[in-house]
Amino acid sequence: MRTARAGPPVRTARAGPPVRTARGTAELGALAAAIVKPVTDTRPDEDVRFVIQRELSLVQPGATAQVEALLHPDFCEVGPSGCRLGRREAIVALATRQVPPAPGNGTPSATGPAAAAGLTGIRLSGTVILVSYVSEQDGQRSHRSSLWLKTGPSWRRYFHQATLITVGKP
């Protein structure tokens, strides 16, 4: 003979049978509902599309004010040459299309507009989205990745890395 249960089974995000605790199934059910509840009010695909649009706007020449609004106060970048840029240097580079010099080379170089292909975006958490793609600019291709962080109501680029693709490699 089976004994009656105190309530319906509680489903959690992990696999396995329902978990029961001394606190009871009602409290656990509320906890499970809180875990599954969305972190933001917008659908994740809307946030990802929004961030990808902003990423593309940074690939093309833009005004300094627009670039400043899209970069997080703690932004940093590792460029294709291996140089590390802080927020201020990145704003100048993006707005003027002047690439900072590689280590050991004292002169910055001008660049044309970039083309982006294979853009993908994935939500890592309620406040972090990873965007990756391949860019081509002035005959050079790079793998690029950006982390976007939601700060308050807006998404801002927090970190960016570009790695040159050598000839003959995908």
N, C-alpha and C. Protein backbone atom coordinates (compact mmCIF):
# COMPACT_ATOMS: atom_id res chain seq x y z
N MET A 1 0.83 -1.17 0.00
CA MET A 1 0.00 0.00 0.00
C MET A 1 0.88 1.25 0.00
N ARG A 2 0.52 2.23 -0.83
CA ARG A 2 1.28 3.48 -0.93
C ARG A 2 0.72 4.50 0.04
N THR A 3 1.61 5.30 0.58
CA THR A 3 1.14 6.37 1.46
C THR A 3 0.91 7.63 0.64
N ALA A 4 0.00 8.44 1.09
CA ALA A 4 -0.32 9.68 0.38
C ALA A 4 0.81 10.68 0.55
N ARG A 5 1.09 11.43 -0.51
CA ARG A 5 2.12 12.46 -0.47
C ARG A 5 1.51 13.77 0.03
N ALA A 6 2.36 14.61 0.58
CA ALA A 6 1.89 15.88 1.12
C ALA A 6 1.54 16.88 0.02
N GLY A 7 1.98 16.68 -1.18
CA GLY A 7 1.70 17.61 -2.27
C GLY A 7 2.26 17.08 -3.57
N PRO A 8 2.10 17.84 -4.63
CA PRO A 8 2.62 17.38 -5.93
C PRO A 8 4.14 17.37 -5.91
N PRO A 9 4.74 16.53 -6.75
CA PRO A 9 6.21 16.51 -6.79
C PRO A 9 6.75 17.86 -7.26
N VAL A 10 7.89 18.22 -6.75
CA VAL A 10 8.53 19.48 -7.10
C VAL A 10 9.57 19.20 -8.16
N ARG A 11 9.50 19.91 -9.27
CA ARG A 11 10.47 19.74 -10.35
C ARG A 11 11.56 20.80 -10.18
N THR A 12 12.77 20.39 -10.33
CA THR A 12 13.88 21.32 -10.24
C THR A 12 14.62 21.31 -11.56
N ALA A 13 15.59 22.21 -11.70
CA ALA A 13 16.34 22.32 -12.95
C ALA A 13 17.27 21.15 -13.17
N ARG A 14 17.55 20.39 -12.14
CA ARG A 14 18.47 19.27 -12.32
C ARG A 14 17.68 17.99 -12.55
N ALA A 15 18.37 17.02 -13.12
CA ALA A 15 17.71 15.75 -13.39
C ALA A 15 17.59 14.94 -12.09
N GLY A 16 16.66 14.04 -12.07
CA GLY A 16 16.51 13.18 -10.90
C GLY A 16 15.14 13.31 -10.30
N PRO A 17 14.89 12.56 -9.26
CA PRO A 17 13.57 12.59 -8.64
C PRO A 17 13.34 13.89 -7.89
N PRO A 18 12.07 14.22 -7.59
CA PRO A 18 11.79 15.44 -6.82
C PRO A 18 12.51 15.42 -5.48
N VAL A 19 12.91 16.59 -5.06
CA VAL A 19 13.63 16.72 -3.80
C VAL A 19 12.64 17.10 -2.71
N ARG A 20 12.71 16.44 -1.59
CA ARG A 20 11.86 16.78 -0.45
C ARG A 20 12.78 17.11 0.72
N THR A 21 12.37 18.13 1.45
CA THR A 21 13.16 18.53 2.61
C THR A 21 12.26 18.60 3.82
N ALA A 22 12.88 18.83 4.95
CA ALA A 22 12.11 18.96 6.19
C ALA A 22 11.22 20.20 6.16
N ARG A 23 11.56 21.18 5.31
CA ARG A 23 10.75 22.39 5.22
C ARG A 23 9.43 22.13 4.50
N GLY A 24 9.35 21.09 3.73
CA GLY A 24 8.10 20.79 3.03
C GLY A 24 8.15 21.18 1.57
N THR A 25 7.20 20.64 0.84
CA THR A 25 7.20 20.85 -0.59
C THR A 25 6.73 22.24 -0.99
N ALA A 26 5.92 22.92 -0.21
CA ALA A 26 5.44 24.25 -0.57
C ALA A 26 6.61 25.24 -0.65
N GLU A 27 7.48 25.24 0.35
CA GLU A 27 8.62 26.15 0.35
C GLU A 27 9.57 25.80 -0.78
N LEU A 28 9.78 24.52 -1.01
CA LEU A 28 10.68 24.09 -2.07
C LEU A 28 10.11 24.46 -3.43
N GLY A 29 8.79 24.34 -3.57
CA GLY A 29 8.15 24.73 -4.83
C GLY A 29 8.35 26.21 -5.11
N ALA A 30 8.23 27.05 -4.09
CA ALA A 30 8.45 28.49 -4.25
C ALA A 30 9.91 28.76 -4.62
N LEU A 31 10.83 28.03 -4.01
CA LEU A 31 12.25 28.18 -4.32
C LEU A 31 12.52 27.80 -5.77
N ALA A 32 11.96 26.67 -6.22
CA ALA A 32 12.15 26.24 -7.60
C ALA A 32 11.57 27.26 -8.57
N ALA A 33 10.42 27.83 -8.25
CA ALA A 33 9.81 28.85 -9.12
C ALA A 33 10.71 30.08 -9.19
N ALA A 34 11.33 30.44 -8.09
CA ALA A 34 12.23 31.60 -8.07
C ALA A 34 13.45 31.35 -8.93
N ILE A 35 13.94 30.12 -8.95
CA ILE A 35 15.12 29.80 -9.75
C ILE A 35 14.80 29.88 -11.24
N VAL A 36 13.62 29.45 -11.63
CA VAL A 36 13.24 29.41 -13.04
C VAL A 36 12.77 30.76 -13.55
N LYS A 37 12.37 31.66 -12.66
CA LYS A 37 11.85 32.97 -13.05
C LYS A 37 12.90 33.73 -13.85
N PRO A 38 12.50 34.36 -14.98
CA PRO A 38 13.46 35.11 -15.79
C PRO A 38 14.09 36.25 -14.99
N VAL A 39 15.34 36.55 -15.31
CA VAL A 39 16.06 37.60 -14.61
C VAL A 39 15.68 38.97 -15.17
N THR A 40 15.36 39.04 -16.46
CA THR A 40 14.98 40.32 -17.06
C THR A 40 13.56 40.24 -17.58
N ASP A 41 12.98 41.40 -17.84
CA ASP A 41 11.60 41.45 -18.34
C ASP A 41 11.51 41.20 -19.84
N THR A 42 12.63 41.32 -20.57
CA THR A 42 12.61 41.11 -22.01
C THR A 42 12.97 39.66 -22.33
N ARG A 43 12.46 39.20 -23.45
CA ARG A 43 12.81 37.84 -23.85
C ARG A 43 14.29 37.79 -24.18
N PRO A 44 14.98 36.69 -23.86
CA PRO A 44 16.41 36.61 -24.12
C PRO A 44 16.79 36.86 -25.57
N ASP A 45 15.97 36.40 -26.52
CA ASP A 45 16.33 36.60 -27.91
C ASP A 45 16.31 38.08 -28.29
N GLU A 46 15.44 38.87 -27.66
CA GLU A 46 15.43 40.31 -27.91
C GLU A 46 16.71 40.96 -27.42
N ASP A 47 17.18 40.57 -26.25
CA ASP A 47 18.43 41.11 -25.71
C ASP A 47 19.60 40.74 -26.61
N VAL A 48 19.65 39.49 -27.05
CA VAL A 48 20.75 39.04 -27.89
C VAL A 48 20.73 39.81 -29.21
N ARG A 49 19.57 39.96 -29.82
CA ARG A 49 19.48 40.73 -31.08
C ARG A 49 19.92 42.18 -30.85
N PHE A 50 19.49 42.76 -29.76
CA PHE A 50 19.86 44.14 -29.44
C PHE A 50 21.38 44.27 -29.30
N VAL A 51 22.00 43.35 -28.58
CA VAL A 51 23.45 43.40 -28.36
C VAL A 51 24.20 43.20 -29.69
N ILE A 52 23.73 42.28 -30.52
CA ILE A 52 24.39 42.06 -31.81
C ILE A 52 24.31 43.32 -32.67
N GLN A 53 23.19 44.01 -32.66
CA GLN A 53 23.07 45.27 -33.41
C GLN A 53 24.08 46.29 -32.90
N ARG A 54 24.25 46.36 -31.59
CA ARG A 54 25.21 47.31 -31.02
C ARG A 54 26.65 46.90 -31.35
N GLU A 55 26.91 45.60 -31.35
CA GLU A 55 28.24 45.11 -31.74
C GLU A 55 28.55 45.54 -33.17
N LEU A 56 27.59 45.35 -34.08
CA LEU A 56 27.78 45.75 -35.47
C LEU A 56 28.00 47.25 -35.60
N SER A 57 27.34 48.04 -34.77
CA SER A 57 27.54 49.48 -34.85
C SER A 57 28.96 49.86 -34.43
N LEU A 58 29.59 49.06 -33.58
CA LEU A 58 30.98 49.34 -33.18
C LEU A 58 31.98 48.90 -34.24
N VAL A 59 31.58 48.01 -35.13
CA VAL A 59 32.47 47.56 -36.20
C VAL A 59 32.60 48.65 -37.27
N GLN A 60 31.55 49.44 -37.46
CA GLN A 60 31.54 50.50 -38.47
C GLN A 60 31.98 51.82 -37.85
N PRO A 61 32.48 52.74 -38.69
CA PRO A 61 32.88 54.04 -38.16
C PRO A 61 31.71 54.71 -37.44
N GLY A 62 32.01 55.33 -36.31
CA GLY A 62 30.93 55.95 -35.55
C GLY A 62 31.41 57.17 -34.79
N ALA A 63 30.45 57.90 -34.26
CA ALA A 63 30.75 59.10 -33.48
C ALA A 63 31.26 58.70 -32.10
N THR A 64 32.10 59.54 -31.54
CA THR A 64 32.68 59.28 -30.23
C THR A 64 31.61 59.12 -29.16
N ALA A 65 30.57 59.96 -29.20
CA ALA A 65 29.51 59.88 -28.18
C ALA A 65 28.81 58.54 -28.22
N GLN A 66 28.56 58.00 -29.41
CA GLN A 66 27.91 56.70 -29.53
C GLN A 66 28.81 55.60 -28.97
N VAL A 67 30.09 55.66 -29.30
CA VAL A 67 31.05 54.66 -28.80
C VAL A 67 31.13 54.74 -27.28
N GLU A 68 31.21 55.93 -26.73
CA GLU A 68 31.27 56.10 -25.27
C GLU A 68 30.06 55.49 -24.59
N ALA A 69 28.89 55.66 -25.17
CA ALA A 69 27.66 55.15 -24.58
C ALA A 69 27.62 53.62 -24.58
N LEU A 70 28.31 52.99 -25.52
CA LEU A 70 28.26 51.53 -25.64
C LEU A 70 29.35 50.80 -24.85
N LEU A 71 30.37 51.51 -24.41
CA LEU A 71 31.46 50.86 -23.68
C LEU A 71 31.28 51.04 -22.17
N HIS A 72 31.40 49.95 -21.45
CA HIS A 72 31.30 49.94 -20.00
C HIS A 72 32.43 50.79 -19.41
N PRO A 73 32.22 51.43 -18.27
CA PRO A 73 33.29 52.23 -17.65
C PRO A 73 34.58 51.43 -17.40
N ASP A 74 34.47 50.13 -17.16
CA ASP A 74 35.65 49.29 -16.90
C ASP A 74 36.09 48.51 -18.14
N PHE A 75 35.69 48.95 -19.33
CA PHE A 75 35.98 48.23 -20.57
C PHE A 75 37.48 48.09 -20.80
N CYS A 76 37.86 46.94 -21.35
CA CYS A 76 39.22 46.75 -21.86
C CYS A 76 39.15 45.82 -23.08
N GLU A 77 40.17 45.91 -23.89
CA GLU A 77 40.23 45.16 -25.14
C GLU A 77 41.64 44.64 -25.34
N VAL A 78 41.72 43.44 -25.91
CA VAL A 78 42.99 42.90 -26.38
C VAL A 78 42.87 42.84 -27.89
N GLY A 79 43.66 43.66 -28.58
CA GLY A 79 43.57 43.78 -30.03
C GLY A 79 44.28 42.65 -30.75
N PRO A 80 44.13 42.60 -32.08
CA PRO A 80 44.74 41.53 -32.87
C PRO A 80 46.26 41.51 -32.76
N SER A 81 46.87 42.67 -32.48
CA SER A 81 48.33 42.71 -32.36
C SER A 81 48.80 42.28 -30.98
N GLY A 82 47.84 42.05 -30.06
CA GLY A 82 48.20 41.66 -28.70
C GLY A 82 48.25 42.83 -27.74
N CYS A 83 48.07 44.06 -28.26
CA CYS A 83 48.10 45.22 -27.37
C CYS A 83 46.81 45.30 -26.57
N ARG A 84 46.92 45.78 -25.35
CA ARG A 84 45.77 45.92 -24.47
C ARG A 84 45.36 47.39 -24.43
N LEU A 85 44.06 47.61 -24.64
CA LEU A 85 43.54 48.98 -24.64
C LEU A 85 42.58 49.16 -23.49
N GLY A 86 42.67 50.32 -22.86
CA GLY A 86 41.67 50.70 -21.87
C GLY A 86 40.51 51.37 -22.58
N ARG A 87 39.53 51.80 -21.83
CA ARG A 87 38.32 52.40 -22.40
C ARG A 87 38.65 53.64 -23.23
N ARG A 88 39.46 54.54 -22.68
CA ARG A 88 39.77 55.79 -23.38
C ARG A 88 40.46 55.52 -24.72
N GLU A 89 41.45 54.62 -24.74
CA GLU A 89 42.16 54.30 -25.99
C GLU A 89 41.24 53.63 -26.99
N ALA A 90 40.35 52.78 -26.50
CA ALA A 90 39.41 52.08 -27.39
C ALA A 90 38.42 53.07 -28.01
N ILE A 91 37.96 54.05 -27.24
CA ILE A 91 37.03 55.06 -27.77
C ILE A 91 37.70 55.82 -28.90
N VAL A 92 38.94 56.25 -28.70
CA VAL A 92 39.67 56.98 -29.75
C VAL A 92 39.85 56.08 -30.97
N ALA A 93 40.25 54.83 -30.75
CA ALA A 93 40.49 53.91 -31.87
C ALA A 93 39.21 53.64 -32.65
N LEU A 94 38.10 53.41 -31.96
CA LEU A 94 36.84 53.12 -32.65
C LEU A 94 36.28 54.35 -33.36
N ALA A 95 36.39 55.51 -32.75
CA ALA A 95 35.81 56.72 -33.34
C ALA A 95 36.64 57.24 -34.51
N THR A 96 37.96 57.10 -34.43
CA THR A 96 38.83 57.64 -35.48
C THR A 96 39.30 56.58 -36.47
N ARG A 97 39.05 55.31 -36.15
CA ARG A 97 39.52 54.20 -36.97
C ARG A 97 41.04 54.18 -37.07
N GLN A 98 41.69 54.58 -35.98
CA GLN A 98 43.14 54.50 -35.87
C GLN A 98 43.47 53.33 -34.97
N VAL A 99 44.13 52.33 -35.50
CA VAL A 99 44.51 51.16 -34.71
C VAL A 99 45.78 51.50 -33.94
N PRO A 100 45.79 51.28 -32.62
CA PRO A 100 47.01 51.56 -31.85
C PRO A 100 48.16 50.71 -32.37
N PRO A 101 49.37 51.19 -32.20
CA PRO A 101 50.51 50.44 -32.70
C PRO A 101 50.71 49.13 -31.96
N ALA A 102 51.23 48.16 -32.69
CA ALA A 102 51.60 46.89 -32.07
C ALA A 102 52.81 47.13 -31.18
N PRO A 103 53.02 46.25 -30.19
CA PRO A 103 54.20 46.41 -29.34
C PRO A 103 55.47 46.45 -30.20
N GLY A 104 56.30 47.47 -29.96
CA GLY A 104 57.54 47.61 -30.72
C GLY A 104 57.38 48.45 -31.98
N ASN A 105 56.15 48.85 -32.32
CA ASN A 105 55.89 49.67 -33.49
C ASN A 105 55.28 50.98 -32.99
N GLY A 106 55.90 52.11 -33.27
CA GLY A 106 55.46 53.37 -32.69
C GLY A 106 54.38 54.12 -33.43
N THR A 107 53.92 53.66 -34.58
CA THR A 107 52.95 54.45 -35.32
C THR A 107 51.61 53.73 -35.45
N PRO A 108 50.51 54.45 -35.14
CA PRO A 108 49.19 53.86 -35.34
C PRO A 108 48.88 53.82 -36.83
N SER A 109 47.97 52.95 -37.23
CA SER A 109 47.61 52.86 -38.63
C SER A 109 46.11 53.06 -38.79
N ALA A 110 45.72 53.66 -39.90
CA ALA A 110 44.31 53.89 -40.20
C ALA A 110 43.71 52.62 -40.78
N THR A 111 42.44 52.42 -40.52
CA THR A 111 41.76 51.25 -41.06
C THR A 111 40.48 51.67 -41.75
N GLY A 112 40.02 50.84 -42.66
CA GLY A 112 38.74 51.06 -43.31
C GLY A 112 37.66 50.36 -42.52
N PRO A 113 36.42 50.43 -43.04
CA PRO A 113 35.32 49.75 -42.36
C PRO A 113 35.54 48.24 -42.36
N ALA A 114 35.02 47.60 -41.36
CA ALA A 114 35.17 46.15 -41.23
C ALA A 114 33.89 45.46 -41.69
N ALA A 115 34.05 44.23 -42.16
CA ALA A 115 32.91 43.38 -42.47
C ALA A 115 32.87 42.28 -41.42
N ALA A 116 31.68 41.92 -40.98
CA ALA A 116 31.53 40.88 -39.97
C ALA A 116 30.73 39.73 -40.55
N ALA A 117 31.13 38.50 -40.21
CA ALA A 117 30.43 37.31 -40.69
C ALA A 117 30.30 36.31 -39.56
N GLY A 118 29.26 35.51 -39.62
CA GLY A 118 29.07 34.43 -38.66
C GLY A 118 28.79 34.91 -37.25
N LEU A 119 28.08 36.02 -37.12
CA LEU A 119 27.78 36.54 -35.78
C LEU A 119 26.89 35.58 -35.02
N THR A 120 27.29 35.29 -33.81
CA THR A 120 26.46 34.51 -32.90
C THR A 120 26.44 35.21 -31.55
N GLY A 121 25.34 35.09 -30.87
CA GLY A 121 25.21 35.64 -29.54
C GLY A 121 24.59 34.61 -28.64
N ILE A 122 25.09 34.51 -27.44
CA ILE A 122 24.54 33.56 -26.47
C ILE A 122 24.49 34.23 -25.10
N ARG A 123 23.37 34.03 -24.44
CA ARG A 123 23.21 34.57 -23.09
C ARG A 123 23.91 33.63 -22.12
N LEU A 124 24.87 34.18 -21.38
CA LEU A 124 25.57 33.39 -20.36
C LEU A 124 24.89 33.49 -19.01
N SER A 125 24.20 34.60 -18.78
CA SER A 125 23.41 34.79 -17.56
C SER A 125 22.40 35.88 -17.87
N GLY A 126 21.64 36.28 -16.89
CA GLY A 126 20.67 37.33 -17.08
C GLY A 126 21.29 38.67 -17.42
N THR A 127 22.57 38.85 -17.08
CA THR A 127 23.23 40.13 -17.30
C THR A 127 24.47 40.05 -18.17
N VAL A 128 24.75 38.89 -18.78
CA VAL A 128 25.95 38.74 -19.60
C VAL A 128 25.61 38.03 -20.92
N ILE A 129 26.03 38.63 -22.04
CA ILE A 129 25.86 38.02 -23.36
C ILE A 129 27.22 37.98 -24.03
N LEU A 130 27.55 36.84 -24.64
CA LEU A 130 28.78 36.67 -25.39
C LEU A 130 28.45 36.74 -26.88
N VAL A 131 29.16 37.61 -27.60
CA VAL A 131 29.01 37.73 -29.05
C VAL A 131 30.33 37.31 -29.68
N SER A 132 30.26 36.47 -30.71
CA SER A 132 31.48 36.08 -31.41
C SER A 132 31.23 36.12 -32.91
N TYR A 133 32.28 36.39 -33.66
CA TYR A 133 32.18 36.50 -35.12
C TYR A 133 33.57 36.57 -35.72
N VAL A 134 33.62 36.58 -37.05
CA VAL A 134 34.87 36.77 -37.78
C VAL A 134 34.75 38.11 -38.49
N SER A 135 35.79 38.92 -38.38
CA SER A 135 35.79 40.21 -39.07
C SER A 135 36.88 40.20 -40.13
N GLU A 136 36.64 41.01 -41.15
CA GLU A 136 37.66 41.22 -42.17
C GLU A 136 37.80 42.71 -42.36
N GLN A 137 39.04 43.17 -42.27
CA GLN A 137 39.31 44.60 -42.35
C GLN A 137 40.68 44.79 -42.98
N ASP A 138 40.72 45.56 -44.04
CA ASP A 138 41.98 45.85 -44.73
C ASP A 138 42.74 44.58 -45.08
N GLY A 139 42.04 43.54 -45.52
CA GLY A 139 42.67 42.29 -45.94
C GLY A 139 43.06 41.35 -44.81
N GLN A 140 42.79 41.70 -43.58
CA GLN A 140 43.11 40.83 -42.45
C GLN A 140 41.82 40.30 -41.82
N ARG A 141 41.83 39.01 -41.47
CA ARG A 141 40.68 38.41 -40.80
C ARG A 141 41.04 38.13 -39.35
N SER A 142 40.03 38.29 -38.48
CA SER A 142 40.22 38.06 -37.05
C SER A 142 39.00 37.36 -36.47
N HIS A 143 39.25 36.46 -35.51
CA HIS A 143 38.18 35.94 -34.66
C HIS A 143 37.96 37.00 -33.59
N ARG A 144 36.70 37.33 -33.33
CA ARG A 144 36.41 38.36 -32.34
C ARG A 144 35.37 37.85 -31.35
N SER A 145 35.55 38.22 -30.10
CA SER A 145 34.59 37.89 -29.04
C SER A 145 34.41 39.11 -28.16
N SER A 146 33.16 39.35 -27.78
CA SER A 146 32.84 40.47 -26.90
C SER A 146 31.93 39.99 -25.79
N LEU A 147 32.18 40.46 -24.60
CA LEU A 147 31.27 40.23 -23.47
C LEU A 147 30.51 41.52 -23.24
N TRP A 148 29.18 41.41 -23.23
CA TRP A 148 28.30 42.53 -22.98
C TRP A 148 27.66 42.34 -21.62
N LEU A 149 27.66 43.40 -20.84
CA LEU A 149 27.15 43.36 -19.48
C LEU A 149 25.97 44.32 -19.37
N LYS A 150 24.89 43.84 -18.78
CA LYS A 150 23.72 44.71 -18.57
C LYS A 150 23.95 45.48 -17.28
N THR A 151 24.01 46.79 -17.41
CA THR A 151 24.19 47.66 -16.25
C THR A 151 22.99 48.60 -16.22
N GLY A 152 22.15 48.41 -15.23
CA GLY A 152 20.91 49.18 -15.18
C GLY A 152 20.04 48.78 -16.35
N PRO A 153 19.50 49.75 -17.06
CA PRO A 153 18.61 49.41 -18.17
C PRO A 153 19.33 49.13 -19.49
N SER A 154 20.64 49.37 -19.55
CA SER A 154 21.33 49.27 -20.84
C SER A 154 22.38 48.16 -20.87
N TRP A 155 22.69 47.73 -22.10
CA TRP A 155 23.75 46.76 -22.34
C TRP A 155 24.98 47.52 -22.80
N ARG A 156 26.15 47.17 -22.20
CA ARG A 156 27.39 47.83 -22.57
C ARG A 156 28.48 46.78 -22.76
N ARG A 157 29.34 47.04 -23.73
CA ARG A 157 30.44 46.13 -24.00
C ARG A 157 31.45 46.25 -22.88
N TYR A 158 31.75 45.11 -22.25
CA TYR A 158 32.64 45.08 -21.09
C TYR A 158 34.06 44.64 -21.47
N PHE A 159 34.15 43.68 -22.41
CA PHE A 159 35.45 43.15 -22.80
C PHE A 159 35.39 42.74 -24.27
N HIS A 160 36.51 42.91 -24.98
CA HIS A 160 36.58 42.50 -26.38
C HIS A 160 37.97 41.94 -26.65
N GLN A 161 38.01 40.87 -27.45
CA GLN A 161 39.30 40.31 -27.88
C GLN A 161 39.23 39.97 -29.34
N ALA A 162 40.29 40.31 -30.05
CA ALA A 162 40.44 39.96 -31.46
C ALA A 162 41.72 39.16 -31.63
N THR A 163 41.62 38.06 -32.37
CA THR A 163 42.79 37.21 -32.63
C THR A 163 42.93 37.03 -34.14
N LEU A 164 44.09 37.42 -34.67
CA LEU A 164 44.31 37.32 -36.12
C LEU A 164 44.21 35.86 -36.57
N ILE A 165 43.63 35.71 -37.74
CA ILE A 165 43.56 34.39 -38.40
C ILE A 165 44.71 34.36 -39.40
N THR A 166 45.61 33.41 -39.24
CA THR A 166 46.73 33.32 -40.16
C THR A 166 46.28 32.71 -41.47
N VAL A 167 47.01 33.05 -42.53
CA VAL A 167 46.67 32.56 -43.87
C VAL A 167 46.67 31.03 -43.87
N GLY A 168 45.66 30.47 -44.48
CA GLY A 168 45.56 29.01 -44.58
C GLY A 168 44.83 28.37 -43.41
N LYS A 169 44.42 29.17 -42.42
CA LYS A 169 43.68 28.64 -41.28
C LYS A 169 42.26 29.18 -41.32
N PRO A 170 41.28 28.39 -40.89
CA PRO A 170 39.90 28.88 -40.90
C PRO A 170 39.63 29.91 -39.83
